[in-house]
Amino acid sequence: MWPDWLAEQAATRAAAGLTRALHPRGPDDAITDLAGNDYLGLSRHPDVRHAAAEAALVWGGGAGASRLVTGTLTLHTELERELADWLGQPAALLFSTGYHANVSLVSALADRDAHVISDAHIHASLVDAVRLSRAQLTVVPHNDVAAVRAALASNPGRRTLVLAESIYSVLGDEAPLVPLARACAEHGAWLVVDEAHGLGVHGAGLVHARGLASHPNVVVTATLSKSLGSQGGAVLGPPDLVDHLVNRARPFIFDTGLAPAATAAALAAARIARARPELAATIHTRIAALAERLEVPRPAGAVLSVPMPSPAVAVATQAEVLAEGVRVGCFRPPSVPDGISRLRITASGGVADDDWERATKVLDAAVRRAREAGRR
């Protein structure tokens, strides 16, 4: 029964052009990588690599246990203090992934008696978190503050979370954080903001940039695997929230602590990002020029999404530019909230100027051919 079912599933994916596969890469291939999330190019920065290597030599390969047993290292608390100070938050708690941070926060705060209001474009980790919480869910249209207000008013007096991303990963647009925070404050709700694509690209993140750091109705989650070039995640907010997560968040309680090398790498990267704002400035200059060249809206973050006529054309175009030495990502259903397949292009600050210019020429030509194919 199971082999037949798996074969049917594979055939269905293939027919829809939605088959995915793993493509291992070496440490020093000659491809210009515009697909990854290493936005500031810090994963291979000498200080970050040395910090990771030294931590592994001093502490060993892993934390050795869950955080509540013996797996909390002084490295963890040092990074938590650094992140809280940088983002202007009272406290922070580390997790092994950004996915875990989102799942932990929502599932530990929301239950059957709670109400969750979710933007239609939130990340899969937040979607899964709501499912685990079993809270009442209201999905509102993307970036629609009026719809959020209506949903808040529909359940007065109920514990409510509003879920948003500071910068959305598919369209690359910015959330209306200030009016969302205002609406939450008026109704006693908490706004949960995922800063996965804002942190580093916008300094301490858009929550901080919009004057909402330490706002009593705003809680922040972040990942260490994008601008900080490492691995892990964090929740930032008031100390009583952190205490609640330590005691109630199952992915925190039952997971091994973040590995020493990843922790030290993220700490080194955070200090570099804070000291070198020009790294983020390079991203914004490049993304603006590329958006204009490819005739698509300029995103708020580092990721540019270029609509493709179909999943098949998207995959073919991705393969075409890879053959010319440029690696880009590819969004296809079910990873896109609106069902439109796209090329996903990262304006990394770690790519050399000559490589970036050559890559943009390759992309310009390939996208034009893809659009022409879609018109036939």
Protein backbone atom coordinates (compact mmCIF):
# COMPACT_ATOMS: atom_id res chain seq x y z
CA MET A 1 0.00 0.00 0.00
CA TRP A 2 2.65 2.55 0.98
CA PRO A 3 4.92 2.11 -2.08
CA ASP A 4 1.90 2.53 -4.38
CA TRP A 5 0.80 5.66 -2.54
CA LEU A 6 4.30 7.16 -2.70
CA ALA A 7 4.50 6.42 -6.44
CA GLU A 8 1.15 8.12 -7.00
CA GLN A 9 2.27 11.17 -5.04
CA ALA A 10 5.50 11.39 -7.05
CA ALA A 11 3.62 11.11 -10.34
CA THR A 12 1.20 13.86 -9.29
CA ARG A 13 4.07 16.19 -8.40
CA ALA A 14 5.85 15.47 -11.66
CA ALA A 15 2.73 16.12 -13.74
CA ALA A 16 2.27 19.50 -12.04
CA GLY A 17 5.93 20.48 -12.42
CA LEU A 18 6.36 20.56 -8.64
CA THR A 19 9.04 17.92 -8.11
CA ARG A 20 11.82 19.03 -5.77
CA ALA A 21 15.24 17.48 -5.26
CA LEU A 22 18.38 18.02 -3.19
CA HIS A 23 21.46 19.36 -4.97
CA PRO A 24 24.57 19.09 -2.76
CA ARG A 25 27.22 21.75 -3.32
CA GLY A 26 30.87 21.85 -2.38
CA PRO A 27 32.45 24.47 -0.11
CA ASP A 28 34.08 26.44 -2.91
CA ASP A 29 32.14 25.93 -6.13
CA ALA A 30 32.47 28.56 -8.85
CA ILE A 31 28.76 29.41 -8.95
CA THR A 32 27.61 32.92 -8.00
CA ASP A 33 25.07 32.19 -5.28
CA LEU A 34 22.01 34.44 -5.42
CA ALA A 35 19.71 31.80 -3.95
CA GLY A 36 20.74 31.55 -0.31
CA ASN A 37 19.83 33.61 2.74
CA ASP A 38 23.34 34.72 3.74
CA TYR A 39 22.24 38.30 3.13
CA LEU A 40 25.27 40.10 4.55
CA GLY A 41 27.80 37.50 3.42
CA LEU A 42 28.83 36.82 7.02
CA SER A 43 28.71 33.02 7.04
CA ARG A 44 32.23 32.92 5.57
CA HIS A 45 33.59 36.04 7.24
CA PRO A 46 36.97 35.20 8.85
CA ASP A 47 35.89 36.38 12.30
CA VAL A 48 32.71 34.30 12.14
CA ARG A 49 34.53 31.17 10.98
CA HIS A 50 37.23 31.54 13.61
CA ALA A 51 34.66 32.07 16.35
CA ALA A 52 32.80 28.91 15.31
CA ALA A 53 36.00 26.86 15.14
CA GLU A 54 37.26 28.08 18.51
CA ALA A 55 33.91 27.36 20.17
CA ALA A 56 33.93 23.82 18.81
CA LEU A 57 37.45 23.27 20.14
CA VAL A 58 36.60 24.69 23.57
CA TRP A 59 33.06 23.36 24.06
CA GLY A 60 32.91 20.35 21.75
CA GLY A 61 30.58 19.47 18.90
CA GLY A 62 27.27 19.99 20.71
CA ALA A 63 25.63 21.47 23.78
CA GLY A 64 25.28 17.97 25.21
CA ALA A 65 21.74 18.22 26.57
CA SER A 66 18.54 20.23 26.56
CA ARG A 67 18.76 23.76 27.92
CA LEU A 68 16.98 22.80 31.16
CA VAL A 69 19.36 19.95 31.94
CA THR A 70 23.01 20.85 31.29
CA GLY A 71 22.71 22.28 27.78
CA THR A 72 22.67 25.99 28.66
CA LEU A 73 26.14 27.38 28.02
CA THR A 74 27.54 30.75 28.96
CA LEU A 75 27.82 31.24 25.19
CA HIS A 76 24.02 31.03 24.97
CA THR A 77 23.42 33.65 27.61
CA GLU A 78 26.07 35.92 26.06
CA LEU A 79 24.33 35.75 22.68
CA GLU A 80 20.91 36.28 24.27
CA ARG A 81 22.19 39.46 25.96
CA GLU A 82 23.78 40.67 22.71
CA LEU A 83 20.59 40.15 20.70
CA ALA A 84 18.37 41.78 23.32
CA ASP A 85 20.66 44.80 23.53
CA TRP A 86 20.90 45.14 19.73
CA LEU A 87 17.16 44.84 19.10
CA GLY A 88 16.24 47.02 22.07
CA GLN A 89 14.34 44.25 23.84
CA PRO A 90 14.27 43.44 27.56
CA ALA A 91 15.17 39.76 27.15
CA ALA A 92 15.85 37.03 24.59
CA LEU A 93 15.71 33.24 24.47
CA LEU A 94 17.64 31.10 21.98
CA PHE A 95 16.30 28.12 20.05
CA SER A 96 17.98 25.62 17.74
CA THR A 97 16.18 27.04 14.68
CA GLY A 98 14.02 29.99 13.74
CA TYR A 99 11.29 27.46 12.97
CA HIS A 100 11.43 26.27 16.57
CA ALA A 101 11.28 29.85 17.84
CA ASN A 102 8.01 30.49 16.01
CA VAL A 103 6.46 27.15 16.90
CA SER A 104 7.47 27.54 20.54
CA LEU A 105 6.14 31.05 20.95
CA VAL A 106 2.71 30.57 19.40
CA SER A 107 2.03 27.08 20.76
CA ALA A 108 3.07 28.11 24.29
CA LEU A 109 0.89 31.23 24.29
CA ALA A 110 -2.18 30.11 22.38
CA ASP A 111 -4.60 27.30 23.22
CA ARG A 112 -8.25 26.45 22.58
CA ASP A 113 -9.30 29.53 24.56
CA ALA A 114 -7.14 31.89 22.49
CA HIS A 115 -7.72 33.65 19.18
CA VAL A 116 -5.00 33.91 16.52
CA ILE A 117 -5.26 36.42 13.68
CA SER A 118 -2.89 35.50 10.89
CA ASP A 119 -1.80 37.43 7.82
CA ALA A 120 -2.45 35.29 4.74
CA HIS A 121 1.25 35.35 3.80
CA ILE A 122 2.92 34.25 7.04
CA HIS A 123 5.69 31.66 7.02
CA ALA A 124 4.97 27.94 7.24
CA SER A 125 6.50 27.79 10.73
CA LEU A 126 3.82 30.15 12.03
CA VAL A 127 1.11 28.24 10.18
CA ASP A 128 2.26 25.01 11.82
CA ALA A 129 2.47 26.74 15.19
CA VAL A 130 -1.19 27.76 15.01
CA ARG A 131 -2.19 24.22 14.07
CA LEU A 132 -0.37 22.87 17.11
CA SER A 133 -1.95 25.45 19.39
CA ARG A 134 -5.52 24.50 18.35
CA ALA A 135 -6.51 28.12 18.85
CA GLN A 136 -9.38 29.71 16.97
CA LEU A 137 -7.85 31.03 13.74
CA THR A 138 -8.84 33.99 11.61
CA VAL A 139 -6.83 34.44 8.40
CA VAL A 140 -6.97 38.01 7.10
CA PRO A 141 -5.99 39.36 3.66
CA HIS A 142 -2.35 40.30 3.27
CA ASN A 143 -1.35 43.56 5.02
CA ASP A 144 -5.00 44.49 5.60
CA VAL A 145 -5.07 46.46 8.86
CA ALA A 146 -8.82 47.04 8.63
CA ALA A 147 -9.40 43.29 8.48
CA VAL A 148 -7.18 42.81 11.53
CA ARG A 149 -9.17 45.45 13.41
CA ALA A 150 -12.44 43.75 12.47
CA ALA A 151 -11.13 40.37 13.64
CA LEU A 152 -9.95 41.88 16.93
CA ALA A 153 -13.34 43.47 17.51
CA SER A 154 -15.12 40.19 16.80
CA ASN A 155 -13.65 38.54 19.93
CA PRO A 156 -13.53 41.20 22.66
CA GLY A 157 -11.79 40.24 25.88
CA ARG A 158 -10.18 37.12 24.42
CA ARG A 159 -6.44 36.44 24.56
CA THR A 160 -5.35 37.21 21.01
CA LEU A 161 -2.17 37.00 18.96
CA VAL A 162 -1.75 38.79 15.63
CA LEU A 163 0.91 37.16 13.43
CA ALA A 164 2.96 39.07 10.86
CA GLU A 165 6.40 39.17 9.27
CA SER A 166 8.33 42.42 9.17
CA ILE A 167 9.29 41.61 5.56
CA TYR A 168 7.47 38.83 3.75
CA SER A 169 9.66 36.25 2.10
CA VAL A 170 7.73 35.80 -1.17
CA LEU A 171 6.62 39.28 -2.24
CA GLY A 172 9.34 41.01 -0.23
CA ASP A 173 6.97 43.69 1.01
CA GLU A 174 6.93 45.35 4.43
CA ALA A 175 4.20 44.85 7.02
CA PRO A 176 2.34 47.93 8.34
CA LEU A 177 3.82 47.42 11.78
CA VAL A 178 2.90 50.73 13.40
CA PRO A 179 -0.87 50.56 12.68
CA LEU A 180 -0.88 46.85 13.54
CA ALA A 181 0.77 47.56 16.90
CA ARG A 182 -1.70 50.36 17.55
CA ALA A 183 -4.66 48.08 16.82
CA CYS A 184 -3.26 45.38 19.11
CA ALA A 185 -2.70 47.86 21.93
CA GLU A 186 -6.28 49.09 21.68
CA HIS A 187 -7.60 45.53 22.07
CA GLY A 188 -5.04 44.13 24.55
CA ALA A 189 -3.62 41.75 21.92
CA TRP A 190 -0.01 40.88 21.19
CA LEU A 191 1.54 41.44 17.78
CA VAL A 192 4.07 38.72 16.95
CA VAL A 193 6.56 39.94 14.35
CA ASP A 194 8.89 37.51 12.60
CA GLU A 195 12.06 39.48 11.77
CA ALA A 196 13.66 36.67 9.73
CA HIS A 197 14.08 38.91 6.68
CA GLY A 198 14.37 42.25 8.47
CA LEU A 199 17.16 41.65 10.97
CA GLY A 200 20.52 42.71 9.56
CA VAL A 201 19.04 43.92 6.27
CA HIS A 202 17.49 46.77 8.27
CA GLY A 203 20.00 46.93 11.10
CA ALA A 204 18.28 45.84 14.31
CA GLY A 205 15.15 45.00 12.32
CA LEU A 206 12.03 46.88 11.28
CA VAL A 207 10.39 46.63 14.72
CA HIS A 208 13.30 48.66 16.06
CA ALA A 209 13.42 50.96 13.02
CA ARG A 210 9.72 51.78 13.34
CA GLY A 211 10.09 52.74 17.00
CA LEU A 212 8.36 49.64 18.37
CA ALA A 213 11.25 48.06 20.28
CA SER A 214 10.10 47.11 23.80
CA HIS A 215 6.50 48.02 22.91
CA PRO A 216 4.33 46.22 25.50
CA ASN A 217 2.13 44.70 22.78
CA VAL A 218 4.89 43.60 20.38
CA VAL A 219 6.89 40.37 20.55
CA VAL A 220 9.72 39.59 18.13
CA THR A 221 11.06 36.35 16.70
CA ALA A 222 14.26 36.14 14.68
CA THR A 223 16.45 33.65 12.90
CA LEU A 224 20.23 33.43 13.09
CA SER A 225 20.53 31.62 9.76
CA LYS A 226 20.01 34.54 7.37
CA SER A 227 21.80 37.85 7.94
CA LEU A 228 23.83 36.32 10.77
CA GLY A 229 25.00 33.45 8.57
CA SER A 230 24.73 30.80 11.28
CA GLN A 231 21.92 28.64 12.62
CA GLY A 232 19.29 29.02 15.32
CA GLY A 233 16.47 31.33 16.31
CA ALA A 234 15.34 33.61 19.11
CA VAL A 235 12.27 35.06 20.78
CA LEU A 236 12.65 38.58 22.18
CA GLY A 237 10.29 40.28 24.60
CA PRO A 238 9.60 40.82 28.29
CA PRO A 239 11.28 38.61 30.92
CA ASP A 240 7.98 37.07 32.03
CA LEU A 241 7.40 35.86 28.46
CA VAL A 242 10.86 34.27 28.38
CA ASP A 243 10.15 32.60 31.73
CA HIS A 244 6.87 31.24 30.36
CA LEU A 245 8.61 29.80 27.29
CA VAL A 246 11.32 28.16 29.40
CA ASN A 247 8.58 26.40 31.34
CA ARG A 248 5.98 25.71 28.66
CA ALA A 249 7.50 25.68 25.16
CA ARG A 250 7.89 22.03 24.23
CA PRO A 251 10.38 22.58 21.35
CA PHE A 252 12.60 24.42 23.85
CA ILE A 253 12.18 22.01 26.74
CA PHE A 254 12.76 18.80 24.80
CA ASP A 255 15.35 19.97 22.26
CA THR A 256 19.12 19.96 22.64
CA GLY A 257 20.65 23.41 23.10
CA LEU A 258 22.05 25.25 20.11
CA ALA A 259 25.49 23.91 19.17
CA PRO A 260 28.46 25.95 20.46
CA ALA A 261 29.89 26.59 16.99
CA ALA A 262 26.58 27.99 15.70
CA THR A 263 26.13 30.09 18.84
CA ALA A 264 29.60 31.63 18.64
CA ALA A 265 29.26 32.23 14.90
CA ALA A 266 25.98 34.09 15.38
CA LEU A 267 27.47 36.15 18.19
CA ALA A 268 30.44 37.18 16.05
CA ALA A 269 28.16 37.96 13.10
CA ALA A 270 25.82 40.09 15.22
CA ARG A 271 28.75 42.19 16.39
CA ILE A 272 29.98 42.66 12.83
CA ALA A 273 26.51 43.58 11.55
CA ARG A 274 26.13 46.16 14.31
CA ALA A 275 29.53 47.69 13.57
CA ARG A 276 29.27 47.68 9.75
CA PRO A 277 25.96 49.15 8.50
CA GLU A 278 27.48 49.54 5.05
CA LEU A 279 26.97 45.81 4.50
CA ALA A 280 23.21 46.35 4.53
CA ALA A 281 23.53 49.48 2.40
CA THR A 282 25.08 47.38 -0.37
CA ILE A 283 22.01 45.13 -0.36
CA HIS A 284 19.60 48.02 -0.78
CA THR A 285 21.62 49.56 -3.61
CA ARG A 286 21.80 46.28 -5.47
CA ILE A 287 18.19 45.23 -4.98
CA ALA A 288 16.89 48.60 -6.18
CA ALA A 289 18.95 48.47 -9.36
CA LEU A 290 18.04 44.84 -10.10
CA ALA A 291 14.33 45.43 -9.52
CA GLU A 292 14.39 48.29 -12.00
CA ARG A 293 16.32 46.21 -14.53
CA LEU A 294 13.93 43.25 -14.28
CA GLU A 295 10.87 45.55 -14.18
CA VAL A 296 9.45 44.28 -10.90
CA PRO A 297 8.54 46.16 -7.69
CA ARG A 298 11.42 46.97 -5.39
CA PRO A 299 11.21 44.81 -2.24
CA ALA A 300 11.70 46.04 1.30
CA GLY A 301 14.33 43.38 2.00
CA ALA A 302 17.07 41.42 0.28
CA VAL A 303 14.92 39.01 -1.74
CA LEU A 304 13.54 39.86 -5.18
CA SER A 305 10.71 37.74 -6.56
CA VAL A 306 10.25 37.61 -10.34
CA PRO A 307 6.92 36.10 -11.50
CA MET A 308 7.19 33.33 -14.07
CA PRO A 309 4.50 32.16 -16.53
CA SER A 310 4.32 28.65 -15.02
CA PRO A 311 6.12 26.26 -12.66
CA ALA A 312 7.77 24.59 -15.66
CA VAL A 313 9.10 27.88 -17.04
CA ALA A 314 10.34 28.85 -13.59
CA VAL A 315 12.30 25.61 -13.22
CA ALA A 316 13.66 25.85 -16.77
CA THR A 317 14.82 29.43 -16.23
CA GLN A 318 16.45 28.49 -12.95
CA ALA A 319 18.35 25.71 -14.76
CA GLU A 320 19.29 28.07 -17.59
CA VAL A 321 20.95 30.64 -15.35
CA LEU A 322 22.66 27.91 -13.33
CA ALA A 323 24.24 26.63 -16.55
CA GLU A 324 25.69 30.13 -16.92
CA GLY A 325 27.14 30.11 -13.42
CA VAL A 326 24.38 31.83 -11.42
CA ARG A 327 22.32 30.07 -8.78
CA VAL A 328 18.86 31.47 -7.95
CA GLY A 329 15.95 30.06 -6.03
CA CYS A 330 12.56 29.05 -7.34
CA PHE A 331 9.20 29.58 -5.63
CA ARG A 332 6.43 27.19 -6.66
CA PRO A 333 3.20 26.04 -5.06
CA PRO A 334 2.67 25.23 -2.24
CA SER A 335 5.46 27.57 -1.09
CA VAL A 336 3.76 30.66 -2.53
CA PRO A 337 0.59 32.09 -0.97
CA ASP A 338 -0.91 33.26 -4.27
CA GLY A 339 -0.05 30.21 -6.41
CA ILE A 340 2.27 32.14 -8.75
CA SER A 341 5.67 30.59 -9.46
CA ARG A 342 8.63 32.95 -9.18
CA LEU A 343 12.38 33.14 -9.37
CA ARG A 344 13.79 34.04 -5.95
CA ILE A 345 16.89 36.22 -6.22
CA THR A 346 18.93 37.28 -3.20
CA ALA A 347 20.90 40.51 -3.30
CA SER A 348 23.74 39.29 -1.13
CA GLY A 349 26.25 41.77 0.21
CA GLY A 350 28.88 39.02 0.14
CA VAL A 351 29.07 38.73 -3.67
CA ALA A 352 31.96 40.55 -5.38
CA ASP A 353 31.01 43.52 -7.55
CA ASP A 354 32.19 41.89 -10.80
CA ASP A 355 30.28 38.68 -10.06
CA TRP A 356 27.16 40.64 -9.20
CA GLU A 357 27.27 42.64 -12.44
CA ARG A 358 27.76 39.54 -14.55
CA ALA A 359 24.94 37.76 -12.71
CA THR A 360 22.51 40.62 -13.31
CA LYS A 361 23.21 40.48 -17.05
CA VAL A 362 22.58 36.72 -17.10
CA LEU A 363 19.33 37.18 -15.17
CA ASP A 364 18.14 40.03 -17.37
CA ALA A 365 18.52 37.96 -20.53
CA ALA A 366 16.98 34.81 -19.03
CA VAL A 367 13.95 36.60 -17.58
CA ARG A 368 13.27 38.30 -20.91
CA ARG A 369 13.33 34.92 -22.67
CA ALA A 370 11.02 33.42 -20.05
CA ARG A 371 8.50 36.21 -20.45
CA GLU A 372 8.58 35.85 -24.20
CA ALA A 373 7.97 32.11 -23.87
CA GLY A 374 4.98 32.83 -21.67
CA ARG A 375 3.46 35.09 -24.32
CA ARG A 376 3.59 32.45 -27.04
